[in-house]
């Protein structure tokens, strides 16, 4: 009685006939592929855990430090479309497009693209 066809047995018989460098590539690529898949799955699980912690109001959990720094300087656009500059300890101020703050000026000239007004503004 003949044995049923097995794709793995067929591949294994061909594997033994291949040159040694090809066999070596197979022996290295299979474990690396499994390691990569495991890494992707674990990264996805970690991202889901962090996302669910954030959604449930948990800031920092055991083993992780909570951020204790201060925003020193920032530029953002408010809900009304105005560009605002924030300095630590001061109230946010609207960007003066005619006289930019010195923090946004680099080496005596306006940094390219920083003070280009938004289209239609």
N, C-alpha and C. Protein backbone atom coordinates (compact mmCIF):
# COMPACT_ATOMS: atom_id res chain seq x y z
N UNK A 1 0.84 -1.18 0.00
CA UNK A 1 0.00 0.00 0.00
C UNK A 1 0.88 1.25 0.00
N UNK A 2 0.58 2.19 -0.89
CA UNK A 2 1.37 3.42 -1.00
C UNK A 2 1.03 4.37 0.14
N UNK A 3 2.04 5.15 0.48
CA UNK A 3 1.85 6.18 1.51
C UNK A 3 1.08 7.35 0.91
N UNK A 4 0.25 8.04 1.70
CA UNK A 4 -0.44 9.24 1.19
C UNK A 4 0.58 10.35 0.93
N UNK A 5 0.25 11.23 0.00
CA UNK A 5 1.16 12.32 -0.36
C UNK A 5 1.31 13.29 0.81
N UNK A 6 2.54 13.67 1.10
CA UNK A 6 2.84 14.63 2.16
C UNK A 6 3.69 15.75 1.57
N UNK A 7 3.16 16.97 1.54
CA UNK A 7 3.96 18.09 1.01
C UNK A 7 5.26 18.29 1.80
N UNK A 8 5.22 18.08 3.12
CA UNK A 8 6.43 18.26 3.92
C UNK A 8 7.49 17.23 3.55
N UNK A 9 7.07 15.96 3.37
CA UNK A 9 8.02 14.90 2.99
C UNK A 9 8.60 15.20 1.60
N UNK A 10 7.78 15.71 0.69
CA UNK A 10 8.25 16.07 -0.64
C UNK A 10 9.28 17.20 -0.56
N UNK A 11 8.98 18.22 0.24
CA UNK A 11 9.91 19.34 0.40
C UNK A 11 11.21 18.87 1.04
N UNK A 12 11.11 17.99 2.05
CA UNK A 12 12.30 17.50 2.74
C UNK A 12 13.20 16.69 1.81
N UNK A 13 12.61 15.92 0.91
CA UNK A 13 13.44 15.14 -0.02
C UNK A 13 14.15 16.08 -1.00
N UNK A 14 13.48 17.16 -1.39
CA UNK A 14 14.13 18.14 -2.27
C UNK A 14 15.18 18.94 -1.51
N UNK A 15 14.93 19.21 -0.22
CA UNK A 15 15.87 19.98 0.61
C UNK A 15 17.23 19.29 0.66
N UNK A 16 17.24 17.97 0.80
CA UNK A 16 18.51 17.24 0.87
C UNK A 16 19.28 17.27 -0.44
N UNK A 17 18.60 17.54 -1.55
CA UNK A 17 19.27 17.58 -2.85
C UNK A 17 19.83 18.97 -3.17
N UNK A 18 19.42 19.98 -2.42
CA UNK A 18 19.87 21.35 -2.69
C UNK A 18 21.33 21.54 -2.26
N UNK A 19 22.02 22.54 -2.84
CA UNK A 19 23.39 22.84 -2.41
C UNK A 19 23.41 23.34 -0.96
N UNK A 20 24.55 23.20 -0.30
CA UNK A 20 24.65 23.58 1.12
C UNK A 20 24.34 25.05 1.40
N UNK A 21 24.75 26.01 0.56
CA UNK A 21 24.38 27.41 0.86
C UNK A 21 22.87 27.64 0.87
N UNK A 22 22.14 26.96 -0.02
CA UNK A 22 20.68 27.10 -0.05
C UNK A 22 20.09 26.47 1.21
N UNK A 23 20.62 25.33 1.61
CA UNK A 23 20.15 24.70 2.84
C UNK A 23 20.39 25.61 4.05
N UNK A 24 21.56 26.24 4.07
CA UNK A 24 21.89 27.15 5.17
C UNK A 24 20.93 28.34 5.21
N UNK A 25 20.58 28.89 4.04
CA UNK A 25 19.62 29.99 3.99
C UNK A 25 18.27 29.57 4.57
N UNK A 26 17.82 28.36 4.22
CA UNK A 26 16.55 27.87 4.76
C UNK A 26 16.63 27.71 6.27
N UNK A 27 17.76 27.18 6.75
CA UNK A 27 17.90 26.96 8.19
C UNK A 27 17.96 28.26 8.98
N UNK A 28 18.41 29.34 8.36
CA UNK A 28 18.46 30.64 9.04
C UNK A 28 17.15 31.41 8.85
N UNK A 29 16.57 31.34 7.66
CA UNK A 29 15.39 32.17 7.38
C UNK A 29 14.15 31.74 8.13
N UNK A 30 13.97 30.47 8.35
CA UNK A 30 12.76 30.00 9.04
C UNK A 30 12.74 30.50 10.50
N UNK A 31 13.81 30.32 11.29
CA UNK A 31 13.78 30.84 12.66
C UNK A 31 13.67 32.37 12.71
N UNK A 32 14.33 33.07 11.78
CA UNK A 32 14.23 34.53 11.76
C UNK A 32 12.81 34.98 11.44
N UNK A 33 12.14 34.28 10.55
CA UNK A 33 10.75 34.61 10.23
C UNK A 33 9.87 34.40 11.46
N UNK A 34 10.04 33.30 12.15
CA UNK A 34 9.26 33.04 13.36
C UNK A 34 9.55 34.07 14.44
N UNK A 35 10.81 34.45 14.59
CA UNK A 35 11.18 35.49 15.55
C UNK A 35 10.54 36.83 15.19
N UNK A 36 10.54 37.18 13.91
CA UNK A 36 9.92 38.43 13.47
C UNK A 36 8.42 38.45 13.69
N UNK A 37 7.76 37.34 13.41
CA UNK A 37 6.31 37.26 13.64
C UNK A 37 6.01 37.39 15.13
N UNK A 38 6.81 36.73 15.97
CA UNK A 38 6.62 36.83 17.41
C UNK A 38 6.81 38.27 17.88
N UNK A 39 7.83 38.95 17.37
CA UNK A 39 8.07 40.35 17.74
C UNK A 39 6.89 41.22 17.34
N UNK A 40 6.36 41.04 16.12
CA UNK A 40 5.22 41.84 15.68
C UNK A 40 3.99 41.61 16.56
N UNK A 41 3.73 40.35 16.89
CA UNK A 41 2.57 40.04 17.74
C UNK A 41 2.74 40.67 19.12
N UNK A 42 3.92 40.54 19.71
CA UNK A 42 4.16 41.10 21.05
C UNK A 42 4.09 42.63 21.02
N UNK A 43 4.58 43.24 19.96
CA UNK A 43 4.48 44.70 19.85
C UNK A 43 3.02 45.13 19.74
N UNK A 44 2.24 44.41 18.96
CA UNK A 44 0.82 44.72 18.84
C UNK A 44 0.08 44.57 20.16
N UNK A 45 0.39 43.51 20.89
CA UNK A 45 -0.25 43.31 22.20
C UNK A 45 0.15 44.44 23.15
N UNK A 46 1.41 44.83 23.14
CA UNK A 46 1.86 45.93 23.99
C UNK A 46 1.17 47.24 23.64
N UNK A 47 1.02 47.52 22.35
CA UNK A 47 0.32 48.73 21.93
C UNK A 47 -1.14 48.72 22.36
N UNK A 48 -1.78 47.56 22.25
CA UNK A 48 -3.18 47.44 22.69
C UNK A 48 -3.31 47.65 24.19
N UNK A 49 -2.38 47.11 24.96
CA UNK A 49 -2.41 47.29 26.41
C UNK A 49 -2.23 48.76 26.76
N UNK A 50 -1.26 49.43 26.13
CA UNK A 50 -1.04 50.86 26.40
C UNK A 50 -2.25 51.68 26.00
N UNK A 51 -2.86 51.34 24.87
CA UNK A 51 -4.04 52.07 24.41
C UNK A 51 -5.20 51.88 25.37
N UNK A 52 -5.43 50.65 25.83
CA UNK A 52 -6.55 50.42 26.75
C UNK A 52 -6.29 51.09 28.10
N UNK A 53 -5.04 51.13 28.54
CA UNK A 53 -4.71 51.82 29.80
C UNK A 53 -5.00 53.31 29.67
N UNK A 54 -4.63 53.89 28.53
CA UNK A 54 -4.84 55.32 28.30
C UNK A 54 -6.34 55.63 28.25
N UNK A 55 -7.11 54.77 27.59
CA UNK A 55 -8.55 55.00 27.45
C UNK A 55 -9.26 54.87 28.79
N UNK A 56 -8.75 54.05 29.68
CA UNK A 56 -9.40 53.83 30.97
C UNK A 56 -8.89 54.79 32.04
N UNK A 57 -8.08 55.77 31.65
CA UNK A 57 -7.65 56.80 32.58
C UNK A 57 -6.43 56.46 33.40
N UNK A 58 -5.76 55.37 33.11
CA UNK A 58 -4.54 55.05 33.84
C UNK A 58 -3.39 55.80 33.21
N UNK A 59 -2.73 56.64 34.00
CA UNK A 59 -1.59 57.39 33.48
C UNK A 59 -0.38 56.49 33.39
N UNK A 60 0.31 56.37 34.50
CA UNK A 60 1.48 55.51 34.54
C UNK A 60 1.14 54.30 35.39
N UNK A 61 1.50 53.13 34.93
CA UNK A 61 1.24 51.93 35.70
C UNK A 61 2.55 51.41 36.27
N UNK A 62 2.48 50.39 37.08
CA UNK A 62 3.64 49.88 37.80
C UNK A 62 4.83 49.63 36.86
N UNK A 63 5.98 50.11 37.27
CA UNK A 63 7.18 49.89 36.49
C UNK A 63 7.47 50.99 35.47
N UNK A 64 6.54 51.93 35.29
CA UNK A 64 6.76 53.01 34.34
C UNK A 64 6.67 54.34 35.08
N UNK A 65 7.55 55.26 34.75
CA UNK A 65 7.53 56.58 35.38
C UNK A 65 6.59 57.50 34.62
N UNK A 66 5.93 58.35 35.35
CA UNK A 66 5.06 59.33 34.74
C UNK A 66 5.90 60.53 34.33
N UNK A 67 5.56 61.17 33.22
CA UNK A 67 6.30 62.32 32.73
C UNK A 67 6.09 63.48 33.68
N UNK A 68 7.17 64.09 34.12
CA UNK A 68 7.08 65.18 35.08
C UNK A 68 7.67 66.47 34.53
N UNK A 69 7.92 66.54 33.24
CA UNK A 69 8.51 67.73 32.65
C UNK A 69 7.48 68.80 32.36
N UNK A 70 7.97 69.93 31.88
CA UNK A 70 7.13 71.06 31.51
C UNK A 70 7.37 71.41 30.05
N UNK A 71 6.32 71.83 29.37
CA UNK A 71 6.49 72.35 28.03
C UNK A 71 7.12 73.73 28.16
N UNK A 72 8.31 73.90 27.61
CA UNK A 72 9.03 75.15 27.75
C UNK A 72 8.61 76.14 26.68
N UNK A 73 8.42 75.63 25.46
CA UNK A 73 8.13 76.51 24.34
C UNK A 73 7.37 75.72 23.29
N UNK A 74 6.35 76.32 22.71
CA UNK A 74 5.62 75.62 21.67
C UNK A 74 4.82 76.57 20.81
N UNK A 75 4.53 76.14 19.59
CA UNK A 75 3.69 76.89 18.66
C UNK A 75 2.56 75.97 18.25
N UNK A 76 1.33 76.46 18.34
CA UNK A 76 0.18 75.64 17.97
C UNK A 76 -0.90 76.52 17.37
N UNK A 77 -1.88 75.89 16.75
CA UNK A 77 -3.00 76.61 16.15
C UNK A 77 -4.22 76.36 17.02
N UNK A 78 -4.86 77.44 17.46
CA UNK A 78 -6.02 77.29 18.34
C UNK A 78 -7.27 76.98 17.52
N UNK A 79 -8.39 76.83 18.21
CA UNK A 79 -9.64 76.47 17.57
C UNK A 79 -10.16 77.51 16.59
N UNK A 80 -9.73 78.75 16.73
CA UNK A 80 -10.16 79.82 15.84
C UNK A 80 -9.24 80.00 14.64
N UNK A 81 -8.19 79.18 14.57
CA UNK A 81 -7.27 79.24 13.43
C UNK A 81 -6.09 80.16 13.64
N UNK A 82 -5.98 80.78 14.83
CA UNK A 82 -4.83 81.65 15.10
C UNK A 82 -3.64 80.81 15.52
N UNK A 83 -2.44 81.23 15.10
CA UNK A 83 -1.21 80.57 15.52
C UNK A 83 -0.78 81.19 16.83
N UNK A 84 -0.60 80.35 17.86
CA UNK A 84 -0.28 80.81 19.20
C UNK A 84 1.11 80.33 19.60
N UNK A 85 1.82 81.18 20.36
CA UNK A 85 3.14 80.84 20.89
C UNK A 85 2.99 80.68 22.40
N UNK A 86 3.51 79.56 22.92
CA UNK A 86 3.44 79.29 24.35
C UNK A 86 4.84 79.28 24.92
N UNK A 87 5.07 80.04 25.99
CA UNK A 87 6.31 79.99 26.76
C UNK A 87 5.93 79.52 28.14
N UNK A 88 6.74 78.71 28.77
CA UNK A 88 6.45 78.21 30.10
C UNK A 88 6.29 79.38 31.08
N UNK A 89 5.20 79.37 31.80
CA UNK A 89 4.96 80.41 32.80
C UNK A 89 4.27 81.65 32.27
N UNK A 90 3.96 81.70 30.97
CA UNK A 90 3.27 82.86 30.39
C UNK A 90 1.98 82.42 29.73
N UNK A 91 1.10 83.36 29.50
CA UNK A 91 -0.12 83.07 28.75
C UNK A 91 0.23 82.91 27.27
N UNK A 92 -0.45 82.02 26.55
CA UNK A 92 -0.20 81.91 25.09
C UNK A 92 -0.51 83.24 24.41
N UNK A 93 0.31 83.59 23.44
CA UNK A 93 0.13 84.83 22.69
C UNK A 93 0.00 84.50 21.20
N UNK A 94 -0.81 85.28 20.50
CA UNK A 94 -0.93 85.10 19.05
C UNK A 94 0.38 85.48 18.39
N UNK A 95 0.75 84.78 17.33
CA UNK A 95 1.99 85.07 16.61
C UNK A 95 1.83 86.40 15.89
N UNK A 96 2.79 87.27 16.09
CA UNK A 96 2.83 88.55 15.40
C UNK A 96 3.60 88.32 14.10
N UNK A 97 2.87 88.28 12.97
CA UNK A 97 3.49 87.94 11.70
C UNK A 97 4.43 89.03 11.20
N UNK A 98 4.25 90.25 11.66
CA UNK A 98 5.11 91.35 11.21
C UNK A 98 6.40 91.42 12.01
N UNK A 99 6.35 91.06 13.28
CA UNK A 99 7.51 91.14 14.15
C UNK A 99 7.64 89.81 14.91
N UNK A 100 8.25 88.79 14.30
CA UNK A 100 8.28 87.46 14.90
C UNK A 100 9.10 87.43 16.19
N UNK A 101 8.76 86.55 17.12
CA UNK A 101 9.54 86.43 18.35
C UNK A 101 10.95 85.93 18.03
N UNK A 102 11.94 86.36 18.80
CA UNK A 102 13.33 85.98 18.50
C UNK A 102 13.57 84.47 18.57
N UNK A 103 12.75 83.74 19.33
CA UNK A 103 12.94 82.30 19.43
C UNK A 103 12.69 81.58 18.11
N UNK A 104 11.89 82.20 17.21
CA UNK A 104 11.60 81.58 15.93
C UNK A 104 12.52 82.07 14.82
N UNK A 105 13.44 82.95 15.16
CA UNK A 105 14.35 83.51 14.16
C UNK A 105 15.71 82.83 14.35
N UNK A 106 16.27 82.31 13.27
CA UNK A 106 17.55 81.62 13.37
C UNK A 106 18.66 82.36 12.65
N UNK A 107 19.73 82.70 13.35
CA UNK A 107 20.92 83.35 12.78
C UNK A 107 20.59 84.61 12.00
N UNK A 108 19.73 85.42 12.55
CA UNK A 108 19.46 86.72 11.96
C UNK A 108 18.44 86.72 10.84
N UNK A 109 17.91 85.59 10.48
CA UNK A 109 16.90 85.57 9.42
C UNK A 109 15.78 84.60 9.81
N UNK A 110 14.63 84.80 9.26
CA UNK A 110 13.50 83.93 9.57
C UNK A 110 13.76 82.55 8.99
N UNK A 111 13.55 81.54 9.79
CA UNK A 111 13.75 80.17 9.34
C UNK A 111 12.74 79.89 8.24
N UNK A 112 13.20 79.27 7.15
CA UNK A 112 12.35 79.02 5.99
C UNK A 112 11.08 78.27 6.37
N UNK A 113 9.94 78.77 5.95
CA UNK A 113 8.67 78.10 6.13
C UNK A 113 8.01 78.33 7.46
N UNK A 114 8.72 78.92 8.45
CA UNK A 114 8.15 79.08 9.77
C UNK A 114 7.07 80.15 9.77
N UNK A 115 7.28 81.25 9.08
CA UNK A 115 6.34 82.34 9.14
C UNK A 115 5.52 82.51 7.88
N UNK A 116 5.45 81.48 7.08
CA UNK A 116 4.57 81.56 5.92
C UNK A 116 3.14 81.43 6.43
N UNK A 117 2.32 82.39 6.10
CA UNK A 117 0.93 82.36 6.57
C UNK A 117 0.20 81.18 5.95
N UNK A 118 -0.75 80.60 6.70
CA UNK A 118 -1.55 79.53 6.11
C UNK A 118 -2.34 80.06 4.93
N UNK A 119 -2.58 79.19 3.96
CA UNK A 119 -3.32 79.60 2.77
C UNK A 119 -4.69 80.12 3.17
N UNK A 120 -5.09 81.25 2.63
CA UNK A 120 -6.40 81.84 2.89
C UNK A 120 -6.46 82.58 4.21
N UNK A 121 -5.31 82.82 4.88
CA UNK A 121 -5.33 83.46 6.20
C UNK A 121 -4.82 84.80 6.22
